[in-house]
């Protein structure tokens, strides 16, 4: 797993608003990572304001940062 990938249970902060979200599920897609023949893309299910939202890895990594 790439070190930038989020794991279930990670607490994230949305960069734009500063609101916290929780990663509740991770699923791997059949698509390859951009520019590579190996690896698979990831989708994250985030618990945001009481709603579950699915985000692709590229979108999630650009909108959220892990809280240390």
PDB file of N, CA and C in Angstrom:
ATOM      1  N   UNK A   1       0.844  -1.179   0.000  1.00  0.00           N
ATOM      2  CA  UNK A   1       0.000   0.000   0.000  1.00  0.00           C
ATOM      3  C   UNK A   1       0.886   1.239   0.000  1.00  0.00           C
ATOM      4  N   UNK A   2       0.521   2.203  -0.784  1.00  0.00           N
ATOM      5  CA  UNK A   2       1.254   3.460  -0.866  1.00  0.00           C
ATOM      6  C   UNK A   2       1.099   4.221   0.446  1.00  0.00           C
ATOM      7  N   UNK A   3       2.169   4.854   0.942  1.00  0.00           N
ATOM      8  CA  UNK A   3       2.074   5.538   2.242  1.00  0.00           C
ATOM      9  C   UNK A   3       1.052   6.675   2.273  1.00  0.00           C
ATOM     10  N   UNK A   4       0.705   7.212   1.097  1.00  0.00           N
ATOM     11  CA  UNK A   4      -0.266   8.302   1.059  1.00  0.00           C
ATOM     12  C   UNK A   4      -1.699   7.785   1.190  1.00  0.00           C
ATOM     13  N   UNK A   5      -1.906   6.489   0.929  1.00  0.00           N
ATOM     14  CA  UNK A   5      -3.254   5.926   1.005  1.00  0.00           C
ATOM     15  C   UNK A   5      -3.789   6.004   2.430  1.00  0.00           C
ATOM     16  N   UNK A   6      -5.089   6.232   2.523  1.00  0.00           N
ATOM     17  CA  UNK A   6      -5.752   6.278   3.814  1.00  0.00           C
ATOM     18  C   UNK A   6      -6.209   4.876   4.195  1.00  0.00           C
ATOM     19  N   UNK A   7      -6.363   4.626   5.494  1.00  0.00           N
ATOM     20  CA  UNK A   7      -6.814   3.334   6.000  1.00  0.00           C
ATOM     21  C   UNK A   7      -8.141   3.524   6.727  1.00  0.00           C
ATOM     22  N   UNK A   8      -8.858   2.418   6.904  1.00  0.00           N
ATOM     23  CA  UNK A   8     -10.106   2.460   7.667  1.00  0.00           C
ATOM     24  C   UNK A   8      -9.770   2.924   9.089  1.00  0.00           C
ATOM     25  N   UNK A   9     -10.518   3.884   9.577  1.00  0.00           N
ATOM     26  CA  UNK A   9     -10.290   4.417  10.912  1.00  0.00           C
ATOM     27  C   UNK A   9      -9.482   5.700  10.925  1.00  0.00           C
ATOM     28  N   UNK A  10      -8.895   6.084   9.777  1.00  0.00           N
ATOM     29  CA  UNK A  10      -8.136   7.332   9.723  1.00  0.00           C
ATOM     30  C   UNK A  10      -9.073   8.525   9.869  1.00  0.00           C
ATOM     31  N   UNK A  11      -8.631   9.497  10.628  1.00  0.00           N
ATOM     32  CA  UNK A  11      -9.371  10.745  10.790  1.00  0.00           C
ATOM     33  C   UNK A  11      -8.743  11.762   9.841  1.00  0.00           C
ATOM     34  N   UNK A  12      -9.577  12.342   8.979  1.00  0.00           N
ATOM     35  CA  UNK A  12      -9.099  13.284   7.976  1.00  0.00           C
ATOM     36  C   UNK A  12      -9.705  14.655   8.212  1.00  0.00           C
ATOM     37  N   UNK A  13      -9.015  15.669   7.718  1.00  0.00           N
ATOM     38  CA  UNK A  13      -9.528  17.041   7.797  1.00  0.00           C
ATOM     39  C   UNK A  13      -9.645  17.575   6.376  1.00  0.00           C
ATOM     40  N   UNK A  14     -10.821  18.100   6.060  1.00  0.00           N
ATOM     41  CA  UNK A  14     -11.034  18.694   4.732  1.00  0.00           C
ATOM     42  C   UNK A  14     -10.249  19.992   4.660  1.00  0.00           C
ATOM     43  N   UNK A  15      -9.439  20.144   3.646  1.00  0.00           N
ATOM     44  CA  UNK A  15      -8.546  21.293   3.525  1.00  0.00           C
ATOM     45  C   UNK A  15      -9.329  22.600   3.420  1.00  0.00           C
ATOM     46  N   UNK A  16     -10.376  22.613   2.610  1.00  0.00           N
ATOM     47  CA  UNK A  16     -11.109  23.848   2.343  1.00  0.00           C
ATOM     48  C   UNK A  16     -11.910  24.346   3.545  1.00  0.00           C
ATOM     49  N   UNK A  17     -12.583  23.425   4.257  1.00  0.00           N
ATOM     50  CA  UNK A  17     -13.481  23.846   5.334  1.00  0.00           C
ATOM     51  C   UNK A  17     -12.945  23.575   6.731  1.00  0.00           C
ATOM     52  N   UNK A  18     -11.979  22.662   6.846  1.00  0.00           N
ATOM     53  CA  UNK A  18     -11.440  22.310   8.159  1.00  0.00           C
ATOM     54  C   UNK A  18     -12.281  21.306   8.920  1.00  0.00           C
ATOM     55  N   UNK A  19     -13.346  20.768   8.304  1.00  0.00           N
ATOM     56  CA  UNK A  19     -14.209  19.787   8.969  1.00  0.00           C
ATOM     57  C   UNK A  19     -13.547  18.419   8.974  1.00  0.00           C
ATOM     58  N   UNK A  20     -13.813  17.647  10.015  1.00  0.00           N
ATOM     59  CA  UNK A  20     -13.235  16.314  10.158  1.00  0.00           C
ATOM     60  C   UNK A  20     -14.153  15.261   9.562  1.00  0.00           C
ATOM     61  N   UNK A  21     -13.540  14.245   8.955  1.00  0.00           N
ATOM     62  CA  UNK A  21     -14.279  13.106   8.413  1.00  0.00           C
ATOM     63  C   UNK A  21     -13.544  11.828   8.815  1.00  0.00           C
ATOM     64  N   UNK A  22     -14.247  10.710   8.772  1.00  0.00           N
ATOM     65  CA  UNK A  22     -13.683   9.429   9.161  1.00  0.00           C
ATOM     66  C   UNK A  22     -13.761   8.467   7.978  1.00  0.00           C
ATOM     67  N   UNK A  23     -12.670   7.738   7.722  1.00  0.00           N
ATOM     68  CA  UNK A  23     -12.661   6.715   6.673  1.00  0.00           C
ATOM     69  C   UNK A  23     -13.316   5.467   7.250  1.00  0.00           C
ATOM     70  N   UNK A  24     -14.463   5.039   6.668  1.00  0.00           N
ATOM     71  CA  UNK A  24     -15.181   3.889   7.203  1.00  0.00           C
ATOM     72  C   UNK A  24     -15.055   2.642   6.333  1.00  0.00           C
ATOM     73  N   UNK A  25     -14.648   2.811   5.077  1.00  0.00           N
ATOM     74  CA  UNK A  25     -14.489   1.656   4.197  1.00  0.00           C
ATOM     75  C   UNK A  25     -13.539   2.005   3.058  1.00  0.00           C
ATOM     76  N   UNK A  26     -12.770   1.015   2.620  1.00  0.00           N
ATOM     77  CA  UNK A  26     -11.851   1.173   1.495  1.00  0.00           C
ATOM     78  C   UNK A  26     -12.112   0.023   0.539  1.00  0.00           C
ATOM     79  N   UNK A  27     -12.247   0.356  -0.752  1.00  0.00           N
ATOM     80  CA  UNK A  27     -12.377  -0.724  -1.732  1.00  0.00           C
ATOM     81  C   UNK A  27     -11.477  -0.423  -2.927  1.00  0.00           C
ATOM     82  N   UNK A  28     -10.916  -1.500  -3.456  1.00  0.00           N
ATOM     83  CA  UNK A  28     -10.014  -1.391  -4.593  1.00  0.00           C
ATOM     84  C   UNK A  28     -10.792  -1.628  -5.872  1.00  0.00           C
ATOM     85  N   UNK A  29     -10.529  -0.815  -6.883  1.00  0.00           N
ATOM     86  CA  UNK A  29     -11.210  -0.955  -8.165  1.00  0.00           C
ATOM     87  C   UNK A  29     -10.340  -1.774  -9.105  1.00  0.00           C
ATOM     88  N   UNK A  30     -10.861  -2.134 -10.235  1.00  0.00           N
ATOM     89  CA  UNK A  30     -10.109  -2.896 -11.218  1.00  0.00           C
ATOM     90  C   UNK A  30      -9.216  -2.042 -12.093  1.00  0.00           C
ATOM     91  N   UNK A  31      -9.298  -0.746 -11.940  1.00  0.00           N
ATOM     92  CA  UNK A  31      -8.512   0.154 -12.784  1.00  0.00           C
ATOM     93  C   UNK A  31      -7.088   0.296 -12.261  1.00  0.00           C
ATOM     94  N   UNK A  32      -6.157   0.460 -13.189  1.00  0.00           N
ATOM     95  CA  UNK A  32      -4.758   0.648 -12.820  1.00  0.00           C
ATOM     96  C   UNK A  32      -4.527   2.090 -12.377  1.00  0.00           C
ATOM     97  N   UNK A  33      -3.489   2.273 -11.582  1.00  0.00           N
ATOM     98  CA  UNK A  33      -3.090   3.613 -11.148  1.00  0.00           C
ATOM     99  C   UNK A  33      -2.615   4.370 -12.379  1.00  0.00           C
ATOM    100  N   UNK A  34      -2.916   5.657 -12.470  1.00  0.00           N
ATOM    101  CA  UNK A  34      -2.533   6.444 -13.635  1.00  0.00           C
ATOM    102  C   UNK A  34      -1.030   6.407 -13.855  1.00  0.00           C
ATOM    103  N   UNK A  35      -0.614   6.104 -15.089  1.00  0.00           N
ATOM    104  CA  UNK A  35       0.785   6.114 -15.458  1.00  0.00           C
ATOM    105  C   UNK A  35       1.558   4.872 -15.059  1.00  0.00           C
ATOM    106  N   UNK A  36       0.889   3.867 -14.516  1.00  0.00           N
ATOM    107  CA  UNK A  36       1.568   2.644 -14.084  1.00  0.00           C
ATOM    108  C   UNK A  36       0.789   1.429 -14.548  1.00  0.00           C
ATOM    109  N   UNK A  37       1.519   0.354 -14.788  1.00  0.00           N
ATOM    110  CA  UNK A  37       0.842  -0.872 -15.192  1.00  0.00           C
ATOM    111  C   UNK A  37       0.440  -1.712 -13.978  1.00  0.00           C
ATOM    112  N   UNK A  38       1.064  -1.439 -12.841  1.00  0.00           N
ATOM    113  CA  UNK A  38       0.735  -2.162 -11.613  1.00  0.00           C
ATOM    114  C   UNK A  38      -0.090  -1.278 -10.689  1.00  0.00           C
ATOM    115  N   UNK A  39      -0.666  -1.912  -9.694  1.00  0.00           N
ATOM    116  CA  UNK A  39      -1.436  -1.162  -8.694  1.00  0.00           C
ATOM    117  C   UNK A  39      -2.865  -0.963  -9.133  1.00  0.00           C
ATOM    118  N   UNK A  40      -3.714  -0.727  -8.162  1.00  0.00           N
ATOM    119  CA  UNK A  40      -5.124  -0.510  -8.446  1.00  0.00           C
ATOM    120  C   UNK A  40      -5.577   0.776  -7.783  1.00  0.00           C
ATOM    121  N   UNK A  41      -6.559   1.413  -8.406  1.00  0.00           N
ATOM    122  CA  UNK A  41      -7.143   2.622  -7.851  1.00  0.00           C
ATOM    123  C   UNK A  41      -7.961   2.253  -6.624  1.00  0.00           C
ATOM    124  N   UNK A  42      -8.166   3.235  -5.764  1.00  0.00           N
ATOM    125  CA  UNK A  42      -8.851   3.015  -4.495  1.00  0.00           C
ATOM    126  C   UNK A  42     -10.038   3.968  -4.396  1.00  0.00           C
ATOM    127  N   UNK A  43     -11.111   3.497  -3.774  1.00  0.00           N
ATOM    128  CA  UNK A  43     -12.239   4.353  -3.428  1.00  0.00           C
ATOM    129  C   UNK A  43     -12.388   4.328  -1.919  1.00  0.00           C
ATOM    130  N   UNK A  44     -12.685   5.492  -1.347  1.00  0.00           N
ATOM    131  CA  UNK A  44     -12.844   5.624   0.095  1.00  0.00           C
ATOM    132  C   UNK A  44     -14.283   5.996   0.418  1.00  0.00           C
ATOM    133  N   UNK A  45     -14.833   5.334   1.418  1.00  0.00           N
ATOM    134  CA  UNK A  45     -16.143   5.709   1.936  1.00  0.00           C
ATOM    135  C   UNK A  45     -15.879   6.556   3.179  1.00  0.00           C
ATOM    136  N   UNK A  46     -16.288   7.815   3.116  1.00  0.00           N
ATOM    137  CA  UNK A  46     -16.028   8.770   4.195  1.00  0.00           C
ATOM    138  C   UNK A  46     -17.325   9.108   4.913  1.00  0.00           C
ATOM    139  N   UNK A  47     -17.262   9.159   6.227  1.00  0.00           N
ATOM    140  CA  UNK A  47     -18.403   9.573   7.034  1.00  0.00           C
ATOM    141  C   UNK A  47     -18.256  11.078   7.271  1.00  0.00           C
ATOM    142  N   UNK A  48     -19.104  11.820   6.563  1.00  0.00           N
ATOM    143  CA  UNK A  48     -19.004  13.269   6.569  1.00  0.00           C
ATOM    144  C   UNK A  48     -20.352  13.868   6.969  1.00  0.00           C
ATOM    145  N   UNK A  49     -20.394  14.488   8.142  1.00  0.00           N
ATOM    146  CA  UNK A  49     -21.620  15.105   8.669  1.00  0.00           C
ATOM    147  C   UNK A  49     -22.775  14.106   8.705  1.00  0.00           C
ATOM    148  N   UNK A  50     -22.497  12.882   9.140  1.00  0.00           N
ATOM    149  CA  UNK A  50     -23.526  11.869   9.285  1.00  0.00           C
ATOM    150  C   UNK A  50     -23.917  11.167   7.996  1.00  0.00           C
ATOM    151  N   UNK A  51     -23.261  11.483   6.877  1.00  0.00           N
ATOM    152  CA  UNK A  51     -23.566  10.867   5.591  1.00  0.00           C
ATOM    153  C   UNK A  51     -22.342  10.118   5.088  1.00  0.00           C
ATOM    154  N   UNK A  52     -22.589   8.986   4.438  1.00  0.00           N
ATOM    155  CA  UNK A  52     -21.502   8.233   3.805  1.00  0.00           C
ATOM    156  C   UNK A  52     -21.331   8.750   2.383  1.00  0.00           C
ATOM    157  N   UNK A  53     -20.083   9.106   2.042  1.00  0.00           N
ATOM    158  CA  UNK A  53     -19.762   9.645   0.728  1.00  0.00           C
ATOM    159  C   UNK A  53     -18.600   8.842   0.155  1.00  0.00           C
ATOM    160  N   UNK A  54     -18.736   8.350  -1.096  1.00  0.00           N
ATOM    161  CA  UNK A  54     -17.647   7.632  -1.754  1.00  0.00           C
ATOM    162  C   UNK A  54     -16.828   8.614  -2.577  1.00  0.00           C
ATOM    163  N   UNK A  55     -15.504   8.561  -2.405  1.00  0.00           N
ATOM    164  CA  UNK A  55     -14.590   9.426  -3.148  1.00  0.00           C
ATOM    165  C   UNK A  55     -13.485   8.568  -3.753  1.00  0.00           C
ATOM    166  N   UNK A  56     -13.087   8.878  -4.977  1.00  0.00           N
ATOM    167  CA  UNK A  56     -11.942   8.210  -5.595  1.00  0.00           C
ATOM    168  C   UNK A  56     -10.663   8.713  -4.939  1.00  0.00           C
ATOM    169  N   UNK A  57      -9.606   7.909  -5.032  1.00  0.00           N
ATOM    170  CA  UNK A  57      -8.358   8.231  -4.353  1.00  0.00           C
ATOM    171  C   UNK A  57      -7.795   9.597  -4.739  1.00  0.00           C
ATOM    172  N   UNK A  58      -7.800   9.929  -6.004  1.00  0.00           N
ATOM    173  CA  UNK A  58      -7.227  11.204  -6.440  1.00  0.00           C
ATOM    174  C   UNK A  58      -8.002  12.369  -5.834  1.00  0.00           C
ATOM    175  N   UNK A  59      -9.310  12.288  -5.840  1.00  0.00           N
ATOM    176  CA  UNK A  59     -10.149  13.343  -5.270  1.00  0.00           C
ATOM    177  C   UNK A  59      -9.957  13.433  -3.760  1.00  0.00           C
ATOM    178  N   UNK A  60      -9.941  12.281  -3.090  1.00  0.00           N
ATOM    179  CA  UNK A  60      -9.782  12.279  -1.628  1.00  0.00           C
ATOM    180  C   UNK A  60      -8.429  12.843  -1.210  1.00  0.00           C
ATOM    181  N   UNK A  61      -7.368  12.479  -1.924  1.00  0.00           N
ATOM    182  CA  UNK A  61      -6.037  12.966  -1.553  1.00  0.00           C
ATOM    183  C   UNK A  61      -5.865  14.449  -1.820  1.00  0.00           C
ATOM    184  N   UNK A  62      -6.622  14.999  -2.756  1.00  0.00           N
ATOM    185  CA  UNK A  62      -6.513  16.435  -3.018  1.00  0.00           C
ATOM    186  C   UNK A  62      -7.394  17.255  -2.074  1.00  0.00           C
ATOM    187  N   UNK A  63      -8.485  16.673  -1.558  1.00  0.00           N
ATOM    188  CA  UNK A  63      -9.415  17.412  -0.698  1.00  0.00           C
ATOM    189  C   UNK A  63      -9.170  17.227   0.797  1.00  0.00           C
ATOM    190  N   UNK A  64      -8.491  16.130   1.192  1.00  0.00           N
ATOM    191  CA  UNK A  64      -8.348  15.801   2.619  1.00  0.00           C
ATOM    192  C   UNK A  64      -6.910  15.536   2.970  1.00  0.00           C
ATOM    193  N   UNK A  65      -6.559  15.852   4.213  1.00  0.00           N
ATOM    194  CA  UNK A  65      -5.260  15.520   4.772  1.00  0.00           C
ATOM    195  C   UNK A  65      -5.473  14.749   6.060  1.00  0.00           C
ATOM    196  N   UNK A  66      -4.608  13.775   6.308  1.00  0.00           N
ATOM    197  CA  UNK A  66      -4.690  12.952   7.520  1.00  0.00           C
ATOM    198  C   UNK A  66      -4.329  13.805   8.729  1.00  0.00           C
ATOM    199  N   UNK A  67      -5.099  13.656   9.798  1.00  0.00           N
ATOM    200  CA  UNK A  67      -4.787  14.343  11.058  1.00  0.00           C
ATOM    201  C   UNK A  67      -3.769  13.482  11.786  1.00  0.00           C
ATOM    202  N   UNK A  68      -2.642  14.075  12.139  1.00  0.00           N
ATOM    203  CA  UNK A  68      -1.545  13.314  12.787  1.00  0.00           C
ATOM    204  C   UNK A  68      -1.844  13.025  14.218  1.00  0.00           C
TER     205      UNK A  68
END
